[in-house]
């Protein structure tokens, strides 16, 4: 099954997170090993947009989001400036 982006976030200027820590955070939040993390440079701005992907049928997305917010706050303190949950395939 294909992975889709479920969440995206930006970090405060000057902050960063490595892929290993981000995978551990995402794994703990999603409670599945079928995850992917990526980052892309922001257009017309410094920094990156981080994307968290999993199977399109990721279970209990509301609780995953709550765990993700908690874990990001614990591990990245006040570095996360924006976290958004994407609507998922066919839900726009």
PDB file of N, CA and C in Angstrom:
ATOM      1  N   UNK A   1       0.846  -1.179   0.000  1.00  0.00           N
ATOM      2  CA  UNK A   1       0.000   0.000   0.000  1.00  0.00           C
ATOM      3  C   UNK A   1       0.888   1.237   0.000  1.00  0.00           C
ATOM      4  N   UNK A   2       0.470   2.252  -0.709  1.00  0.00           N
ATOM      5  CA  UNK A   2       1.238   3.491  -0.808  1.00  0.00           C
ATOM      6  C   UNK A   2       1.167   4.301   0.475  1.00  0.00           C
ATOM      7  N   UNK A   3       2.224   5.026   0.716  1.00  0.00           N
ATOM      8  CA  UNK A   3       2.248   5.946   1.845  1.00  0.00           C
ATOM      9  C   UNK A   3       1.755   7.306   1.389  1.00  0.00           C
ATOM     10  N   UNK A   4       1.067   7.997   2.271  1.00  0.00           N
ATOM     11  CA  UNK A   4       0.608   9.359   2.014  1.00  0.00           C
ATOM     12  C   UNK A   4       1.071  10.236   3.166  1.00  0.00           C
ATOM     13  N   UNK A   5       1.223  11.517   2.879  1.00  0.00           N
ATOM     14  CA  UNK A   5       1.623  12.464   3.919  1.00  0.00           C
ATOM     15  C   UNK A   5       0.416  12.727   4.817  1.00  0.00           C
ATOM     16  N   UNK A   6       0.574  12.496   6.106  1.00  0.00           N
ATOM     17  CA  UNK A   6      -0.485  12.755   7.082  1.00  0.00           C
ATOM     18  C   UNK A   6      -0.270  14.065   7.823  1.00  0.00           C
ATOM     19  N   UNK A   7       1.004  14.426   8.063  1.00  0.00           N
ATOM     20  CA  UNK A   7       1.324  15.636   8.812  1.00  0.00           C
ATOM     21  C   UNK A   7       2.506  16.344   8.176  1.00  0.00           C
ATOM     22  N   UNK A   8       2.510  17.656   8.318  1.00  0.00           N
ATOM     23  CA  UNK A   8       3.658  18.462   7.931  1.00  0.00           C
ATOM     24  C   UNK A   8       3.901  19.487   9.028  1.00  0.00           C
ATOM     25  N   UNK A   9       5.174  19.870   9.186  1.00  0.00           N
ATOM     26  CA  UNK A   9       5.475  20.908  10.166  1.00  0.00           C
ATOM     27  C   UNK A   9       6.711  21.680   9.759  1.00  0.00           C
ATOM     28  N   UNK A  10       6.830  22.861  10.336  1.00  0.00           N
ATOM     29  CA  UNK A  10       8.013  23.703  10.199  1.00  0.00           C
ATOM     30  C   UNK A  10       8.624  23.873  11.580  1.00  0.00           C
ATOM     31  N   UNK A  11       9.901  24.166  11.579  1.00  0.00           N
ATOM     32  CA  UNK A  11      10.589  24.466  12.827  1.00  0.00           C
ATOM     33  C   UNK A  11      10.914  25.948  12.890  1.00  0.00           C
ATOM     34  N   UNK A  12      11.133  26.428  14.087  1.00  0.00           N
ATOM     35  CA  UNK A  12      11.530  27.822  14.284  1.00  0.00           C
ATOM     36  C   UNK A  12      12.861  28.063  13.577  1.00  0.00           C
ATOM     37  N   UNK A  13      13.117  29.298  13.179  1.00  0.00           N
ATOM     38  CA  UNK A  13      14.387  29.614  12.507  1.00  0.00           C
ATOM     39  C   UNK A  13      15.583  29.126  13.323  1.00  0.00           C
ATOM     40  N   UNK A  14      16.498  28.481  12.642  1.00  0.00           N
ATOM     41  CA  UNK A  14      17.712  27.990  13.281  1.00  0.00           C
ATOM     42  C   UNK A  14      17.580  26.615  13.919  1.00  0.00           C
ATOM     43  N   UNK A  15      16.376  26.089  14.044  1.00  0.00           N
ATOM     44  CA  UNK A  15      16.171  24.772  14.653  1.00  0.00           C
ATOM     45  C   UNK A  15      16.205  23.699  13.570  1.00  0.00           C
ATOM     46  N   UNK A  16      16.584  22.486  13.951  1.00  0.00           N
ATOM     47  CA  UNK A  16      16.566  21.375  13.012  1.00  0.00           C
ATOM     48  C   UNK A  16      16.356  20.072  13.770  1.00  0.00           C
ATOM     49  N   UNK A  17      16.009  19.043  13.032  1.00  0.00           N
ATOM     50  CA  UNK A  17      15.845  17.718  13.607  1.00  0.00           C
ATOM     51  C   UNK A  17      16.378  16.720  12.590  1.00  0.00           C
ATOM     52  N   UNK A  18      17.119  15.751  13.075  1.00  0.00           N
ATOM     53  CA  UNK A  18      17.675  14.735  12.186  1.00  0.00           C
ATOM     54  C   UNK A  18      16.653  13.659  11.853  1.00  0.00           C
ATOM     55  N   UNK A  19      16.884  12.933  10.779  1.00  0.00           N
ATOM     56  CA  UNK A  19      15.927  11.913  10.357  1.00  0.00           C
ATOM     57  C   UNK A  19      15.764  10.765  11.358  1.00  0.00           C
ATOM     58  N   UNK A  20      16.813  10.386  12.060  1.00  0.00           N
ATOM     59  CA  UNK A  20      16.706   9.277  13.010  1.00  0.00           C
ATOM     60  C   UNK A  20      15.758   9.628  14.160  1.00  0.00           C
ATOM     61  N   UNK A  21      15.927  10.807  14.754  1.00  0.00           N
ATOM     62  CA  UNK A  21      15.040  11.231  15.841  1.00  0.00           C
ATOM     63  C   UNK A  21      13.618  11.408  15.321  1.00  0.00           C
ATOM     64  N   UNK A  22      13.483  12.004  14.160  1.00  0.00           N
ATOM     65  CA  UNK A  22      12.145  12.223  13.599  1.00  0.00           C
ATOM     66  C   UNK A  22      11.438  10.891  13.329  1.00  0.00           C
ATOM     67  N   UNK A  23      12.154   9.889  12.837  1.00  0.00           N
ATOM     68  CA  UNK A  23      11.553   8.559  12.633  1.00  0.00           C
ATOM     69  C   UNK A  23      11.108   7.951  13.964  1.00  0.00           C
ATOM     70  N   UNK A  24      11.928   8.105  15.003  1.00  0.00           N
ATOM     71  CA  UNK A  24      11.547   7.558  16.320  1.00  0.00           C
ATOM     72  C   UNK A  24      10.289   8.246  16.853  1.00  0.00           C
ATOM     73  N   UNK A  25      10.220   9.563  16.709  1.00  0.00           N
ATOM     74  CA  UNK A  25       9.040  10.308  17.164  1.00  0.00           C
ATOM     75  C   UNK A  25       7.806   9.862  16.383  1.00  0.00           C
ATOM     76  N   UNK A  26       7.929   9.786  15.065  1.00  0.00           N
ATOM     77  CA  UNK A  26       6.799   9.416  14.211  1.00  0.00           C
ATOM     78  C   UNK A  26       6.371   7.980  14.479  1.00  0.00           C
ATOM     79  N   UNK A  27       7.347   7.071  14.662  1.00  0.00           N
ATOM     80  CA  UNK A  27       7.027   5.676  14.990  1.00  0.00           C
ATOM     81  C   UNK A  27       6.259   5.599  16.310  1.00  0.00           C
ATOM     82  N   UNK A  28       6.699   6.319  17.315  1.00  0.00           N
ATOM     83  CA  UNK A  28       6.030   6.300  18.617  1.00  0.00           C
ATOM     84  C   UNK A  28       4.625   6.884  18.535  1.00  0.00           C
ATOM     85  N   UNK A  29       4.436   7.891  17.719  1.00  0.00           N
ATOM     86  CA  UNK A  29       3.116   8.512  17.585  1.00  0.00           C
ATOM     87  C   UNK A  29       2.165   7.641  16.773  1.00  0.00           C
ATOM     88  N   UNK A  30       2.647   7.106  15.662  1.00  0.00           N
ATOM     89  CA  UNK A  30       1.791   6.334  14.756  1.00  0.00           C
ATOM     90  C   UNK A  30       1.644   4.879  15.188  1.00  0.00           C
ATOM     91  N   UNK A  31       2.589   4.409  15.976  1.00  0.00           N
ATOM     92  CA  UNK A  31       2.587   3.023  16.462  1.00  0.00           C
ATOM     93  C   UNK A  31       2.544   2.005  15.321  1.00  0.00           C
ATOM     94  N   UNK A  32       3.339   2.312  14.300  1.00  0.00           N
ATOM     95  CA  UNK A  32       3.530   1.409  13.180  1.00  0.00           C
ATOM     96  C   UNK A  32       4.931   1.619  12.636  1.00  0.00           C
ATOM     97  N   UNK A  33       5.515   0.574  12.100  1.00  0.00           N
ATOM     98  CA  UNK A  33       6.848   0.716  11.504  1.00  0.00           C
ATOM     99  C   UNK A  33       6.765   1.141  10.044  1.00  0.00           C
ATOM    100  N   UNK A  34       5.570   1.172   9.484  1.00  0.00           N
ATOM    101  CA  UNK A  34       5.390   1.559   8.084  1.00  0.00           C
ATOM    102  C   UNK A  34       5.232   3.077   7.979  1.00  0.00           C
ATOM    103  N   UNK A  35       6.347   3.774   8.165  1.00  0.00           N
ATOM    104  CA  UNK A  35       6.355   5.238   8.164  1.00  0.00           C
ATOM    105  C   UNK A  35       7.485   5.742   7.290  1.00  0.00           C
ATOM    106  N   UNK A  36       7.387   6.995   6.902  1.00  0.00           N
ATOM    107  CA  UNK A  36       8.449   7.673   6.171  1.00  0.00           C
ATOM    108  C   UNK A  36       8.521   9.107   6.668  1.00  0.00           C
ATOM    109  N   UNK A  37       9.728   9.661   6.662  1.00  0.00           N
ATOM    110  CA  UNK A  37       9.916  11.077   6.981  1.00  0.00           C
ATOM    111  C   UNK A  37      10.697  11.711   5.842  1.00  0.00           C
ATOM    112  N   UNK A  38      10.426  12.974   5.589  1.00  0.00           N
ATOM    113  CA  UNK A  38      11.163  13.689   4.553  1.00  0.00           C
ATOM    114  C   UNK A  38      11.155  15.179   4.871  1.00  0.00           C
ATOM    115  N   UNK A  39      11.994  15.896   4.174  1.00  0.00           N
ATOM    116  CA  UNK A  39      11.987  17.349   4.311  1.00  0.00           C
ATOM    117  C   UNK A  39      12.261  17.958   2.944  1.00  0.00           C
ATOM    118  N   UNK A  40      11.673  19.109   2.719  1.00  0.00           N
ATOM    119  CA  UNK A  40      11.896  19.857   1.484  1.00  0.00           C
ATOM    120  C   UNK A  40      12.158  21.309   1.852  1.00  0.00           C
ATOM    121  N   UNK A  41      12.983  21.948   1.080  1.00  0.00           N
ATOM    122  CA  UNK A  41      13.289  23.362   1.322  1.00  0.00           C
ATOM    123  C   UNK A  41      12.030  24.191   1.112  1.00  0.00           C
ATOM    124  N   UNK A  42      11.837  25.170   1.961  1.00  0.00           N
ATOM    125  CA  UNK A  42      10.702  26.091   1.821  1.00  0.00           C
ATOM    126  C   UNK A  42      10.971  27.035   0.668  1.00  0.00           C
ATOM    127  N   UNK A  43       9.947  27.350  -0.081  1.00  0.00           N
ATOM    128  CA  UNK A  43      10.067  28.317  -1.168  1.00  0.00           C
ATOM    129  C   UNK A  43      10.026  29.726  -0.582  1.00  0.00           C
ATOM    130  N   UNK A  44      10.935  30.564  -0.998  1.00  0.00           N
ATOM    131  CA  UNK A  44      10.976  31.978  -0.582  1.00  0.00           C
ATOM    132  C   UNK A  44      11.141  32.165   0.922  1.00  0.00           C
ATOM    133  N   UNK A  45      11.713  31.187   1.606  1.00  0.00           N
ATOM    134  CA  UNK A  45      11.921  31.313   3.056  1.00  0.00           C
ATOM    135  C   UNK A  45      13.038  30.366   3.473  1.00  0.00           C
ATOM    136  N   UNK A  46      13.640  30.655   4.617  1.00  0.00           N
ATOM    137  CA  UNK A  46      14.654  29.769   5.165  1.00  0.00           C
ATOM    138  C   UNK A  46      13.987  28.562   5.796  1.00  0.00           C
ATOM    139  N   UNK A  47      14.730  27.503   5.929  1.00  0.00           N
ATOM    140  CA  UNK A  47      14.250  26.325   6.630  1.00  0.00           C
ATOM    141  C   UNK A  47      13.599  25.301   5.719  1.00  0.00           C
ATOM    142  N   UNK A  48      12.939  24.349   6.354  1.00  0.00           N
ATOM    143  CA  UNK A  48      12.382  23.211   5.646  1.00  0.00           C
ATOM    144  C   UNK A  48      10.946  22.954   6.082  1.00  0.00           C
ATOM    145  N   UNK A  49      10.243  22.220   5.241  1.00  0.00           N
ATOM    146  CA  UNK A  49       8.949  21.656   5.607  1.00  0.00           C
ATOM    147  C   UNK A  49       9.188  20.162   5.790  1.00  0.00           C
ATOM    148  N   UNK A  50       8.884  19.651   6.958  1.00  0.00           N
ATOM    149  CA  UNK A  50       9.044  18.238   7.279  1.00  0.00           C
ATOM    150  C   UNK A  50       7.712  17.535   7.042  1.00  0.00           C
ATOM    151  N   UNK A  51       7.762  16.374   6.382  1.00  0.00           N
ATOM    152  CA  UNK A  51       6.553  15.610   6.087  1.00  0.00           C
ATOM    153  C   UNK A  51       6.641  14.237   6.731  1.00  0.00           C
ATOM    154  N   UNK A  52       5.524  13.818   7.317  1.00  0.00           N
ATOM    155  CA  UNK A  52       5.428  12.526   7.989  1.00  0.00           C
ATOM    156  C   UNK A  52       4.386  11.696   7.256  1.00  0.00           C
ATOM    157  N   UNK A  53       4.808  10.565   6.724  1.00  0.00           N
ATOM    158  CA  UNK A  53       3.945   9.736   5.894  1.00  0.00           C
ATOM    159  C   UNK A  53       3.772   8.349   6.489  1.00  0.00           C
ATOM    160  N   UNK A  54       2.613   7.766   6.191  1.00  0.00           N
ATOM    161  CA  UNK A  54       2.308   6.390   6.585  1.00  0.00           C
ATOM    162  C   UNK A  54       1.262   5.864   5.604  1.00  0.00           C
ATOM    163  N   UNK A  55       0.823   4.660   5.835  1.00  0.00           N
ATOM    164  CA  UNK A  55      -0.204   4.086   4.968  1.00  0.00           C
ATOM    165  C   UNK A  55      -1.435   4.981   4.960  1.00  0.00           C
ATOM    166  N   UNK A  56      -2.154   4.952   3.860  1.00  0.00           N
ATOM    167  CA  UNK A  56      -3.339   5.810   3.742  1.00  0.00           C
ATOM    168  C   UNK A  56      -4.420   5.429   4.744  1.00  0.00           C
ATOM    169  N   UNK A  57      -4.407   4.193   5.210  1.00  0.00           N
ATOM    170  CA  UNK A  57      -5.419   3.749   6.177  1.00  0.00           C
ATOM    171  C   UNK A  57      -4.909   3.803   7.624  1.00  0.00           C
ATOM    172  N   UNK A  58      -4.031   4.746   7.919  1.00  0.00           N
ATOM    173  CA  UNK A  58      -3.498   4.909   9.274  1.00  0.00           C
ATOM    174  C   UNK A  58      -4.650   4.996  10.273  1.00  0.00           C
ATOM    175  N   UNK A  59      -4.626   4.128  11.257  1.00  0.00           N
ATOM    176  CA  UNK A  59      -5.721   4.050  12.233  1.00  0.00           C
ATOM    177  C   UNK A  59      -5.613   5.147  13.288  1.00  0.00           C
ATOM    178  N   UNK A  60      -6.767   5.606  13.742  1.00  0.00           N
ATOM    179  CA  UNK A  60      -6.870   6.497  14.899  1.00  0.00           C
ATOM    180  C   UNK A  60      -6.036   7.771  14.754  1.00  0.00           C
ATOM    181  N   UNK A  61      -6.207   8.442  13.624  1.00  0.00           N
ATOM    182  CA  UNK A  61      -5.382   9.606  13.302  1.00  0.00           C
ATOM    183  C   UNK A  61      -5.505  10.706  14.360  1.00  0.00           C
ATOM    184  N   UNK A  62      -6.660  10.857  14.972  1.00  0.00           N
ATOM    185  CA  UNK A  62      -6.832  11.889  15.994  1.00  0.00           C
ATOM    186  C   UNK A  62      -5.904  11.643  17.176  1.00  0.00           C
ATOM    187  N   UNK A  63      -5.817  10.406  17.638  1.00  0.00           N
ATOM    188  CA  UNK A  63      -4.910  10.089  18.747  1.00  0.00           C
ATOM    189  C   UNK A  63      -3.456  10.114  18.310  1.00  0.00           C
ATOM    190  N   UNK A  64      -3.190   9.732  17.066  1.00  0.00           N
ATOM    191  CA  UNK A  64      -1.833   9.828  16.530  1.00  0.00           C
ATOM    192  C   UNK A  64      -1.385  11.290  16.566  1.00  0.00           C
ATOM    193  N   UNK A  65      -2.268  12.192  16.165  1.00  0.00           N
ATOM    194  CA  UNK A  65      -1.937  13.625  16.183  1.00  0.00           C
ATOM    195  C   UNK A  65      -1.647  14.105  17.607  1.00  0.00           C
ATOM    196  N   UNK A  66      -2.441  13.689  18.563  1.00  0.00           N
ATOM    197  CA  UNK A  66      -2.219  14.104  19.955  1.00  0.00           C
ATOM    198  C   UNK A  66      -0.868  13.592  20.460  1.00  0.00           C
ATOM    199  N   UNK A  67      -0.558  12.325  20.176  1.00  0.00           N
ATOM    200  CA  UNK A  67       0.738  11.774  20.598  1.00  0.00           C
ATOM    201  C   UNK A  67       1.880  12.489  19.881  1.00  0.00           C
ATOM    202  N   UNK A  68       1.703  12.768  18.593  1.00  0.00           N
ATOM    203  CA  UNK A  68       2.739  13.442  17.817  1.00  0.00           C
ATOM    204  C   UNK A  68       3.021  14.824  18.385  1.00  0.00           C
ATOM    205  N   UNK A  69       1.987  15.594  18.666  1.00  0.00           N
ATOM    206  CA  UNK A  69       2.178  16.933  19.244  1.00  0.00           C
ATOM    207  C   UNK A  69       2.935  16.844  20.570  1.00  0.00           C
ATOM    208  N   UNK A  70       2.546  15.896  21.409  1.00  0.00           N
ATOM    209  CA  UNK A  70       3.210  15.728  22.699  1.00  0.00           C
ATOM    210  C   UNK A  70       4.682  15.355  22.516  1.00  0.00           C
ATOM    211  N   UNK A  71       4.959  14.403  21.640  1.00  0.00           N
ATOM    212  CA  UNK A  71       6.336  13.965  21.425  1.00  0.00           C
ATOM    213  C   UNK A  71       7.199  15.059  20.806  1.00  0.00           C
ATOM    214  N   UNK A  72       6.659  15.782  19.852  1.00  0.00           N
ATOM    215  CA  UNK A  72       7.422  16.887  19.261  1.00  0.00           C
ATOM    216  C   UNK A  72       7.723  17.951  20.308  1.00  0.00           C
ATOM    217  N   UNK A  73       6.751  18.264  21.147  1.00  0.00           N
ATOM    218  CA  UNK A  73       6.978  19.252  22.208  1.00  0.00           C
ATOM    219  C   UNK A  73       8.027  18.773  23.202  1.00  0.00           C
ATOM    220  N   UNK A  74       8.018  17.497  23.525  1.00  0.00           N
ATOM    221  CA  UNK A  74       9.002  16.968  24.473  1.00  0.00           C
ATOM    222  C   UNK A  74      10.407  16.938  23.892  1.00  0.00           C
ATOM    223  N   UNK A  75      10.534  16.515  22.642  1.00  0.00           N
ATOM    224  CA  UNK A  75      11.856  16.326  22.051  1.00  0.00           C
ATOM    225  C   UNK A  75      12.414  17.566  21.370  1.00  0.00           C
ATOM    226  N   UNK A  76      11.552  18.455  20.923  1.00  0.00           N
ATOM    227  CA  UNK A  76      12.022  19.642  20.209  1.00  0.00           C
ATOM    228  C   UNK A  76      11.653  20.927  20.933  1.00  0.00           C
ATOM    229  N   UNK A  77      11.203  20.812  22.159  1.00  0.00           N
ATOM    230  CA  UNK A  77      10.836  21.962  23.006  1.00  0.00           C
ATOM    231  C   UNK A  77       9.967  22.941  22.238  1.00  0.00           C
ATOM    232  N   UNK A  78      10.369  24.171  22.136  1.00  0.00           N
ATOM    233  CA  UNK A  78       9.538  25.178  21.469  1.00  0.00           C
ATOM    234  C   UNK A  78       9.965  25.400  20.020  1.00  0.00           C
ATOM    235  N   UNK A  79      10.612  24.424  19.425  1.00  0.00           N
ATOM    236  CA  UNK A  79      11.121  24.582  18.065  1.00  0.00           C
ATOM    237  C   UNK A  79      10.057  24.421  16.984  1.00  0.00           C
ATOM    238  N   UNK A  80       8.985  23.681  17.255  1.00  0.00           N
ATOM    239  CA  UNK A  80       7.969  23.452  16.233  1.00  0.00           C
ATOM    240  C   UNK A  80       7.095  24.699  16.137  1.00  0.00           C
ATOM    241  N   UNK A  81       7.118  25.342  14.956  1.00  0.00           N
ATOM    242  CA  UNK A  81       6.334  26.554  14.807  1.00  0.00           C
ATOM    243  C   UNK A  81       4.961  26.269  14.208  1.00  0.00           C
ATOM    244  N   UNK A  82       4.834  25.205  13.422  1.00  0.00           N
ATOM    245  CA  UNK A  82       3.562  24.875  12.790  1.00  0.00           C
ATOM    246  C   UNK A  82       3.477  23.361  12.590  1.00  0.00           C
ATOM    247  N   UNK A  83       2.373  22.759  12.964  1.00  0.00           N
ATOM    248  CA  UNK A  83       2.102  21.351  12.658  1.00  0.00           C
ATOM    249  C   UNK A  83       0.702  21.300  12.083  1.00  0.00           C
ATOM    250  N   UNK A  84       0.562  20.740  10.893  1.00  0.00           N
ATOM    251  CA  UNK A  84      -0.772  20.615  10.300  1.00  0.00           C
ATOM    252  C   UNK A  84      -1.047  19.161   9.956  1.00  0.00           C
ATOM    253  N   UNK A  85      -2.289  18.791  10.104  1.00  0.00           N
ATOM    254  CA  UNK A  85      -2.746  17.464   9.695  1.00  0.00           C
ATOM    255  C   UNK A  85      -3.400  17.611   8.337  1.00  0.00           C
ATOM    256  N   UNK A  86      -2.949  16.824   7.387  1.00  0.00           N
ATOM    257  CA  UNK A  86      -3.486  16.891   6.040  1.00  0.00           C
ATOM    258  C   UNK A  86      -4.756  16.044   5.968  1.00  0.00           C
ATOM    259  N   UNK A  87      -5.674  16.399   5.075  1.00  0.00           N
ATOM    260  CA  UNK A  87      -6.973  15.727   5.049  1.00  0.00           C
ATOM    261  C   UNK A  87      -6.929  14.280   4.596  1.00  0.00           C
ATOM    262  N   UNK A  88      -5.878  13.851   3.953  1.00  0.00           N
ATOM    263  CA  UNK A  88      -5.803  12.481   3.489  1.00  0.00           C
ATOM    264  C   UNK A  88      -6.424  12.327   2.115  1.00  0.00           C
ATOM    265  N   UNK A  89      -6.187  11.183   1.492  1.00  0.00           N
ATOM    266  CA  UNK A  89      -6.662  10.986   0.126  1.00  0.00           C
ATOM    267  C   UNK A  89      -8.178  10.993   0.033  1.00  0.00           C
ATOM    268  N   UNK A  90      -8.678  11.744  -0.934  1.00  0.00           N
ATOM    269  CA  UNK A  90     -10.116  11.779  -1.181  1.00  0.00           C
ATOM    270  C   UNK A  90     -10.938  12.505  -0.141  1.00  0.00           C
ATOM    271  N   UNK A  91     -10.325  13.298   0.741  1.00  0.00           N
ATOM    272  CA  UNK A  91     -11.050  13.953   1.828  1.00  0.00           C
ATOM    273  C   UNK A  91     -10.984  15.471   1.746  1.00  0.00           C
ATOM    274  N   UNK A  92     -10.696  15.998   0.590  1.00  0.00           N
ATOM    275  CA  UNK A  92     -10.602  17.460   0.457  1.00  0.00           C
ATOM    276  C   UNK A  92     -11.978  18.039   0.219  1.00  0.00           C
TER     277      UNK A  92
END
